[in-house]
PDB file of all heavy atoms in Angstrom:
ATOM      1  N   ASN A   1       0.823  -1.207   0.000  1.00  0.00           N
ATOM      2  CA  ASN A   1       0.000   0.000   0.000  1.00  0.00           C
ATOM      3  C   ASN A   1       0.856   1.255   0.000  1.00  0.00           C
ATOM      4  O   ASN A   1       0.559   2.235  -0.694  1.00  0.00           O
ATOM      5  CB  ASN A   1      -0.931   0.007   1.214  1.00  0.00           C
ATOM      6  CG  ASN A   1      -2.023  -1.035   1.121  1.00  0.00           C
ATOM      7  OD1 ASN A   1      -2.356  -1.489   0.025  1.00  0.00           O
ATOM      8  ND2 ASN A   1      -2.585  -1.419   2.248  1.00  0.00           N
ATOM      9  N   ILE A   2       1.931   1.236   0.794  1.00  0.00           N
ATOM     10  CA  ILE A   2       2.836   2.384   0.852  1.00  0.00           C
ATOM     11  C   ILE A   2       3.475   2.619  -0.508  1.00  0.00           C
ATOM     12  O   ILE A   2       3.538   3.756  -0.997  1.00  0.00           O
ATOM     13  CB  ILE A   2       3.917   2.159   1.929  1.00  0.00           C
ATOM     14  CG1 ILE A   2       3.285   2.146   3.325  1.00  0.00           C
ATOM     15  CG2 ILE A   2       4.994   3.242   1.843  1.00  0.00           C
ATOM     16  CD1 ILE A   2       4.239   1.783   4.429  1.00  0.00           C
ATOM     17  N   LEU A   3       3.935   1.550  -1.144  1.00  0.00           N
ATOM     18  CA  LEU A   3       4.572   1.660  -2.454  1.00  0.00           C
ATOM     19  C   LEU A   3       3.586   2.182  -3.496  1.00  0.00           C
ATOM     20  O   LEU A   3       3.917   3.070  -4.293  1.00  0.00           O
ATOM     21  CB  LEU A   3       5.124   0.297  -2.880  1.00  0.00           C
ATOM     22  CG  LEU A   3       5.909   0.256  -4.202  1.00  0.00           C
ATOM     23  CD1 LEU A   3       7.079   1.217  -4.157  1.00  0.00           C
ATOM     24  CD2 LEU A   3       6.385  -1.163  -4.486  1.00  0.00           C
ATOM     25  N   ARG A   4       2.360   1.674  -3.472  1.00  0.00           N
ATOM     26  CA  ARG A   4       1.332   2.123  -4.414  1.00  0.00           C
ATOM     27  C   ARG A   4       1.048   3.611  -4.229  1.00  0.00           C
ATOM     28  O   ARG A   4       0.930   4.357  -5.198  1.00  0.00           O
ATOM     29  CB  ARG A   4       0.055   1.319  -4.213  1.00  0.00           C
ATOM     30  CG  ARG A   4      -1.064   1.686  -5.203  1.00  0.00           C
ATOM     31  CD  ARG A   4      -2.342   0.977  -4.841  1.00  0.00           C
ATOM     32  NE  ARG A   4      -2.800   1.368  -3.525  1.00  0.00           N
ATOM     33  CZ  ARG A   4      -3.326   0.521  -2.625  1.00  0.00           C
ATOM     34  NH1 ARG A   4      -3.432  -0.762  -2.912  1.00  0.00           N
ATOM     35  NH2 ARG A   4      -3.726   0.951  -1.453  1.00  0.00           N
ATOM     36  N   ASN A   5       0.957   4.062  -2.984  1.00  0.00           N
ATOM     37  CA  ASN A   5       0.674   5.472  -2.718  1.00  0.00           C
ATOM     38  C   ASN A   5       1.841   6.355  -3.137  1.00  0.00           C
ATOM     39  O   ASN A   5       1.639   7.480  -3.605  1.00  0.00           O
ATOM     40  CB  ASN A   5       0.368   5.675  -1.231  1.00  0.00           C
ATOM     41  CG  ASN A   5      -0.972   5.094  -0.829  1.00  0.00           C
ATOM     42  OD1 ASN A   5      -1.857   4.947  -1.670  1.00  0.00           O
ATOM     43  ND2 ASN A   5      -1.122   4.756   0.433  1.00  0.00           N
ATOM     44  N   GLN A   6       3.055   5.862  -2.983  1.00  0.00           N
ATOM     45  CA  GLN A   6       4.226   6.617  -3.431  1.00  0.00           C
ATOM     46  C   GLN A   6       4.226   6.764  -4.951  1.00  0.00           C
ATOM     47  O   GLN A   6       4.525   7.835  -5.486  1.00  0.00           O
ATOM     48  CB  GLN A   6       5.512   5.923  -2.958  1.00  0.00           C
ATOM     49  CG  GLN A   6       5.749   6.034  -1.464  1.00  0.00           C
ATOM     50  CD  GLN A   6       6.959   5.234  -1.002  1.00  0.00           C
ATOM     51  OE1 GLN A   6       7.394   4.292  -1.679  1.00  0.00           O
ATOM     52  NE2 GLN A   6       7.496   5.578   0.152  1.00  0.00           N
ATOM     53  N   VAL A   7       3.885   5.688  -5.635  1.00  0.00           N
ATOM     54  CA  VAL A   7       3.795   5.730  -7.099  1.00  0.00           C
ATOM     55  C   VAL A   7       2.684   6.680  -7.518  1.00  0.00           C
ATOM     56  O   VAL A   7       2.836   7.468  -8.469  1.00  0.00           O
ATOM     57  CB  VAL A   7       3.547   4.319  -7.671  1.00  0.00           C
ATOM     58  CG1 VAL A   7       3.293   4.385  -9.170  1.00  0.00           C
ATOM     59  CG2 VAL A   7       4.736   3.402  -7.385  1.00  0.00           C
ATOM     60  N   LYS A   8       1.553   6.636  -6.814  1.00  0.00           N
ATOM     61  CA  LYS A   8       0.426   7.514  -7.110  1.00  0.00           C
ATOM     62  C   LYS A   8       0.838   8.981  -6.977  1.00  0.00           C
ATOM     63  O   LYS A   8       0.527   9.805  -7.846  1.00  0.00           O
ATOM     64  CB  LYS A   8      -0.735   7.201  -6.165  1.00  0.00           C
ATOM     65  CG  LYS A   8      -1.987   8.031  -6.394  1.00  0.00           C
ATOM     66  CD  LYS A   8      -3.074   7.603  -5.419  1.00  0.00           C
ATOM     67  CE  LYS A   8      -4.287   8.492  -5.500  1.00  0.00           C
ATOM     68  NZ  LYS A   8      -5.337   8.095  -4.523  1.00  0.00           N
ATOM     69  N   SER A   9       1.562   9.314  -5.908  1.00  0.00           N
ATOM     70  CA  SER A   9       2.025  10.692  -5.713  1.00  0.00           C
ATOM     71  C   SER A   9       2.982  11.112  -6.817  1.00  0.00           C
ATOM     72  O   SER A   9       2.930  12.247  -7.312  1.00  0.00           O
ATOM     73  CB  SER A   9       2.717  10.822  -4.345  1.00  0.00           C
ATOM     74  OG  SER A   9       1.807  10.591  -3.299  1.00  0.00           O
ATOM     75  N   TYR A  10       3.845  10.197  -7.223  1.00  0.00           N
ATOM     76  CA  TYR A  10       4.785  10.483  -8.317  1.00  0.00           C
ATOM     77  C   TYR A  10       4.031  10.756  -9.617  1.00  0.00           C
ATOM     78  O   TYR A  10       4.337  11.720 -10.332  1.00  0.00           O
ATOM     79  CB  TYR A  10       5.742   9.304  -8.493  1.00  0.00           C
ATOM     80  CG  TYR A  10       6.660   9.445  -9.695  1.00  0.00           C
ATOM     81  CD1 TYR A  10       7.835  10.183  -9.607  1.00  0.00           C
ATOM     82  CD2 TYR A  10       6.345   8.835 -10.911  1.00  0.00           C
ATOM     83  CE1 TYR A  10       8.665  10.317 -10.695  1.00  0.00           C
ATOM     84  CE2 TYR A  10       7.168   8.969 -12.006  1.00  0.00           C
ATOM     85  CZ  TYR A  10       8.331   9.702 -11.896  1.00  0.00           C
ATOM     86  OH  TYR A  10       9.159   9.831 -12.998  1.00  0.00           O
ATOM     87  N   LEU A  11       3.040   9.926  -9.905  1.00  0.00           N
ATOM     88  CA  LEU A  11       2.269  10.093 -11.141  1.00  0.00           C
ATOM     89  C   LEU A  11       1.508  11.414 -11.146  1.00  0.00           C
ATOM     90  O   LEU A  11       1.466  12.106 -12.163  1.00  0.00           O
ATOM     91  CB  LEU A  11       1.299   8.925 -11.308  1.00  0.00           C
ATOM     92  CG  LEU A  11       1.934   7.568 -11.622  1.00  0.00           C
ATOM     93  CD1 LEU A  11       0.900   6.454 -11.510  1.00  0.00           C
ATOM     94  CD2 LEU A  11       2.561   7.562 -12.996  1.00  0.00           C
ATOM     95  N   LEU A  12       0.926  11.768 -10.009  1.00  0.00           N
ATOM     96  CA  LEU A  12       0.223  13.044  -9.904  1.00  0.00           C
ATOM     97  C   LEU A  12       1.173  14.207 -10.166  1.00  0.00           C
ATOM     98  O   LEU A  12       0.837  15.167 -10.863  1.00  0.00           O
ATOM     99  CB  LEU A  12      -0.415  13.188  -8.521  1.00  0.00           C
ATOM    100  CG  LEU A  12      -1.650  12.331  -8.256  1.00  0.00           C
ATOM    101  CD1 LEU A  12      -2.043  12.393  -6.781  1.00  0.00           C
ATOM    102  CD2 LEU A  12      -2.817  12.766  -9.121  1.00  0.00           C
ATOM    103  N   GLY A  13       2.370  14.114  -9.611  1.00  0.00           N
ATOM    104  CA  GLY A  13       3.372  15.155  -9.842  1.00  0.00           C
ATOM    105  C   GLY A  13       3.764  15.253 -11.304  1.00  0.00           C
ATOM    106  O   GLY A  13       3.919  16.361 -11.844  1.00  0.00           O
ATOM    107  N   GLN A  14       3.923  14.110 -11.962  1.00  0.00           N
ATOM    108  CA  GLN A  14       4.281  14.097 -13.373  1.00  0.00           C
ATOM    109  C   GLN A  14       3.186  14.716 -14.247  1.00  0.00           C
ATOM    110  O   GLN A  14       3.462  15.442 -15.195  1.00  0.00           O
ATOM    111  CB  GLN A  14       4.551  12.656 -13.834  1.00  0.00           C
ATOM    112  CG  GLN A  14       5.809  12.029 -13.238  1.00  0.00           C
ATOM    113  CD  GLN A  14       7.070  12.741 -13.701  1.00  0.00           C
ATOM    114  OE1 GLN A  14       7.637  13.546 -12.962  1.00  0.00           O
ATOM    115  NE2 GLN A  14       7.518  12.461 -14.898  1.00  0.00           N
ATOM    116  N   ILE A  15       1.932  14.433 -13.896  1.00  0.00           N
ATOM    117  CA  ILE A  15       0.815  15.009 -14.647  1.00  0.00           C
ATOM    118  C   ILE A  15       0.753  16.512 -14.427  1.00  0.00           C
ATOM    119  O   ILE A  15       0.562  17.295 -15.363  1.00  0.00           O
ATOM    120  CB  ILE A  15      -0.513  14.337 -14.246  1.00  0.00           C
ATOM    121  CG1 ILE A  15      -0.494  12.851 -14.618  1.00  0.00           C
ATOM    122  CG2 ILE A  15      -1.691  15.025 -14.930  1.00  0.00           C
ATOM    123  CD1 ILE A  15      -1.665  12.063 -14.076  1.00  0.00           C
ATOM    124  N   GLN A  16       0.921  16.945 -13.180  1.00  0.00           N
ATOM    125  CA  GLN A  16       0.866  18.367 -12.859  1.00  0.00           C
ATOM    126  C   GLN A  16       1.969  19.150 -13.567  1.00  0.00           C
ATOM    127  O   GLN A  16       1.778  20.304 -13.951  1.00  0.00           O
ATOM    128  CB  GLN A  16       0.963  18.562 -11.347  1.00  0.00           C
ATOM    129  CG  GLN A  16      -0.301  18.130 -10.617  1.00  0.00           C
ATOM    130  CD  GLN A  16      -0.147  18.152  -9.108  1.00  0.00           C
ATOM    131  OE1 GLN A  16       0.955  17.995  -8.593  1.00  0.00           O
ATOM    132  NE2 GLN A  16      -1.237  18.339  -8.400  1.00  0.00           N
ATOM    133  N   LYS A  17       3.125  18.527 -13.743  1.00  0.00           N
ATOM    134  CA  LYS A  17       4.253  19.197 -14.412  1.00  0.00           C
ATOM    135  C   LYS A  17       4.184  19.084 -15.931  1.00  0.00           C
ATOM    136  O   LYS A  17       5.006  19.651 -16.635  1.00  0.00           O
ATOM    137  CB  LYS A  17       5.579  18.603 -13.908  1.00  0.00           C
ATOM    138  CG  LYS A  17       5.893  18.960 -12.469  1.00  0.00           C
ATOM    139  CD  LYS A  17       7.271  18.500 -12.051  1.00  0.00           C
ATOM    140  CE  LYS A  17       7.372  16.997 -11.999  1.00  0.00           C
ATOM    141  NZ  LYS A  17       8.676  16.530 -11.458  1.00  0.00           N
ATOM    142  N   GLY A  18       3.182  18.335 -16.428  1.00  0.00           N
ATOM    143  CA  GLY A  18       3.031  18.192 -17.867  1.00  0.00           C
ATOM    144  C   GLY A  18       3.890  17.107 -18.468  1.00  0.00           C
ATOM    145  O   GLY A  18       3.951  16.964 -19.700  1.00  0.00           O
ATOM    146  N   GLU A  19       4.551  16.308 -17.625  1.00  0.00           N
ATOM    147  CA  GLU A  19       5.385  15.218 -18.139  1.00  0.00           C
ATOM    148  C   GLU A  19       4.529  14.095 -18.728  1.00  0.00           C
ATOM    149  O   GLU A  19       4.949  13.395 -19.635  1.00  0.00           O
ATOM    150  CB  GLU A  19       6.274  14.670 -17.012  1.00  0.00           C
ATOM    151  CG  GLU A  19       7.250  15.678 -16.432  1.00  0.00           C
ATOM    152  CD  GLU A  19       8.289  16.126 -17.434  1.00  0.00           C
ATOM    153  OE1 GLU A  19       8.637  15.331 -18.338  1.00  0.00           O
ATOM    154  OE2 GLU A  19       8.768  17.275 -17.324  1.00  0.00           O
ATOM    155  N   LEU A  20       3.333  13.918 -18.153  1.00  0.00           N
ATOM    156  CA  LEU A  20       2.357  12.975 -18.701  1.00  0.00           C
ATOM    157  C   LEU A  20       1.254  13.814 -19.326  1.00  0.00           C
ATOM    158  O   LEU A  20       0.428  14.400 -18.633  1.00  0.00           O
ATOM    159  CB  LEU A  20       1.799  12.069 -17.595  1.00  0.00           C
ATOM    160  CG  LEU A  20       2.806  11.154 -16.895  1.00  0.00           C
ATOM    161  CD1 LEU A  20       2.137  10.388 -15.763  1.00  0.00           C
ATOM    162  CD2 LEU A  20       3.436  10.187 -17.888  1.00  0.00           C
ATOM    163  N   GLU A  21       1.218  13.893 -20.635  1.00  0.00           N
ATOM    164  CA  GLU A  21       0.345  14.837 -21.327  1.00  0.00           C
ATOM    165  C   GLU A  21      -1.076  14.300 -21.493  1.00  0.00           C
ATOM    166  O   GLU A  21      -1.297  13.093 -21.611  1.00  0.00           O
ATOM    167  CB  GLU A  21       0.930  15.162 -22.709  1.00  0.00           C
ATOM    168  CG  GLU A  21       2.298  15.843 -22.642  1.00  0.00           C
ATOM    169  CD  GLU A  21       2.845  16.144 -24.024  1.00  0.00           C
ATOM    170  OE1 GLU A  21       2.053  16.182 -24.978  1.00  0.00           O
ATOM    171  OE2 GLU A  21       4.067  16.345 -24.146  1.00  0.00           O
ATOM    172  N   VAL A  22      -2.028  15.237 -21.511  1.00  0.00           N
ATOM    173  CA  VAL A  22      -3.434  14.898 -21.693  1.00  0.00           C
ATOM    174  C   VAL A  22      -3.638  14.210 -23.038  1.00  0.00           C
ATOM    175  O   VAL A  22      -3.146  14.669 -24.071  1.00  0.00           O
ATOM    176  CB  VAL A  22      -4.308  16.171 -21.622  1.00  0.00           C
ATOM    177  CG1 VAL A  22      -5.750  15.851 -22.022  1.00  0.00           C
ATOM    178  CG2 VAL A  22      -4.265  16.768 -20.231  1.00  0.00           C
ATOM    179  N   GLY A  23      -4.352  13.074 -23.027  1.00  0.00           N
ATOM    180  CA  GLY A  23      -4.702  12.374 -24.253  1.00  0.00           C
ATOM    181  C   GLY A  23      -3.662  11.389 -24.753  1.00  0.00           C
ATOM    182  O   GLY A  23      -3.949  10.598 -25.653  1.00  0.00           O
ATOM    183  N   LYS A  24      -2.448  11.401 -24.172  1.00  0.00           N
ATOM    184  CA  LYS A  24      -1.405  10.480 -24.622  1.00  0.00           C
ATOM    185  C   LYS A  24      -1.346   9.258 -23.724  1.00  0.00           C
ATOM    186  O   LYS A  24      -1.562   9.343 -22.520  1.00  0.00           O
ATOM    187  CB  LYS A  24      -0.053  11.183 -24.646  1.00  0.00           C
ATOM    188  CG  LYS A  24       0.063  12.221 -25.753  1.00  0.00           C
ATOM    189  CD  LYS A  24       1.502  12.648 -25.960  1.00  0.00           C
ATOM    190  CE  LYS A  24       1.628  13.594 -27.147  1.00  0.00           C
ATOM    191  NZ  LYS A  24       3.025  14.020 -27.383  1.00  0.00           N
ATOM    192  N   THR A  25      -1.044   8.116 -24.337  1.00  0.00           N
ATOM    193  CA  THR A  25      -0.978   6.858 -23.598  1.00  0.00           C
ATOM    194  C   THR A  25       0.189   6.868 -22.615  1.00  0.00           C
ATOM    195  O   THR A  25       1.295   7.303 -22.944  1.00  0.00           O
ATOM    196  CB  THR A  25      -0.828   5.675 -24.560  1.00  0.00           C
ATOM    197  OG1 THR A  25      -1.921   5.678 -25.482  1.00  0.00           O
ATOM    198  CG2 THR A  25      -0.812   4.351 -23.801  1.00  0.00           C
ATOM    199  N   ILE A  26      -0.071   6.401 -21.389  1.00  0.00           N
ATOM    200  CA  ILE A  26       0.963   6.314 -20.362  1.00  0.00           C
ATOM    201  C   ILE A  26       1.761   5.035 -20.571  1.00  0.00           C
ATOM    202  O   ILE A  26       1.203   3.939 -20.586  1.00  0.00           O
ATOM    203  CB  ILE A  26       0.334   6.347 -18.961  1.00  0.00           C
ATOM    204  CG1 ILE A  26      -0.392   7.689 -18.747  1.00  0.00           C
ATOM    205  CG2 ILE A  26       1.381   6.121 -17.883  1.00  0.00           C
ATOM    206  CD1 ILE A  26      -1.182   7.755 -17.458  1.00  0.00           C
ATOM    207  N   ASN A  27       3.054   5.169 -20.733  1.00  0.00           N
ATOM    208  CA  ASN A  27       3.949   4.041 -20.988  1.00  0.00           C
ATOM    209  C   ASN A  27       4.349   3.400 -19.655  1.00  0.00           C
ATOM    210  O   ASN A  27       5.196   3.931 -18.934  1.00  0.00           O
ATOM    211  CB  ASN A  27       5.179   4.528 -21.760  1.00  0.00           C
ATOM    212  CG  ASN A  27       6.051   3.381 -22.229  1.00  0.00           C
ATOM    213  OD1 ASN A  27       6.229   2.385 -21.538  1.00  0.00           O
ATOM    214  ND2 ASN A  27       6.620   3.535 -23.415  1.00  0.00           N
ATOM    215  N   LEU A  28       3.738   2.258 -19.338  1.00  0.00           N
ATOM    216  CA  LEU A  28       3.995   1.607 -18.059  1.00  0.00           C
ATOM    217  C   LEU A  28       5.435   1.125 -17.935  1.00  0.00           C
ATOM    218  O   LEU A  28       6.059   1.247 -16.872  1.00  0.00           O
ATOM    219  CB  LEU A  28       3.036   0.420 -17.863  1.00  0.00           C
ATOM    220  CG  LEU A  28       1.707   0.734 -17.168  1.00  0.00           C
ATOM    221  CD1 LEU A  28       0.870   1.677 -18.021  1.00  0.00           C
ATOM    222  CD2 LEU A  28       0.926  -0.539 -16.853  1.00  0.00           C
ATOM    223  N   ALA A  29       5.976   0.579 -19.014  1.00  0.00           N
ATOM    224  CA  ALA A  29       7.350   0.068 -18.973  1.00  0.00           C
ATOM    225  C   ALA A  29       8.344   1.195 -18.728  1.00  0.00           C
ATOM    226  O   ALA A  29       9.299   1.056 -17.952  1.00  0.00           O
ATOM    227  CB  ALA A  29       7.681  -0.652 -20.273  1.00  0.00           C
ATOM    228  N   LEU A  30       8.129   2.340 -19.375  1.00  0.00           N
ATOM    229  CA  LEU A  30       9.005   3.490 -19.180  1.00  0.00           C
ATOM    230  C   LEU A  30       8.903   4.022 -17.757  1.00  0.00           C
ATOM    231  O   LEU A  30       9.920   4.345 -17.127  1.00  0.00           O
ATOM    232  CB  LEU A  30       8.647   4.590 -20.175  1.00  0.00           C
ATOM    233  CG  LEU A  30       9.477   5.880 -20.095  1.00  0.00           C
ATOM    234  CD1 LEU A  30      10.956   5.579 -20.333  1.00  0.00           C
ATOM    235  CD2 LEU A  30       8.966   6.905 -21.097  1.00  0.00           C
ATOM    236  N   LEU A  31       7.682   4.088 -17.234  1.00  0.00           N
ATOM    237  CA  LEU A  31       7.496   4.529 -15.853  1.00  0.00           C
ATOM    238  C   LEU A  31       8.197   3.588 -14.887  1.00  0.00           C
ATOM    239  O   LEU A  31       8.818   4.019 -13.908  1.00  0.00           O
ATOM    240  CB  LEU A  31       6.004   4.592 -15.514  1.00  0.00           C
ATOM    241  CG  LEU A  31       5.242   5.839 -15.955  1.00  0.00           C
ATOM    242  CD1 LEU A  31       3.756   5.684 -15.649  1.00  0.00           C
ATOM    243  CD2 LEU A  31       5.783   7.074 -15.256  1.00  0.00           C
TER     244      LEU A  31
END
């Protein structure tokens, strides 16, 4: 659960910074 929440916070940060762009597929392997 801790690891999942840490990943969730990281993903939110990436979206907020525009690193994960709206409408584009999220590359799980790259993440």
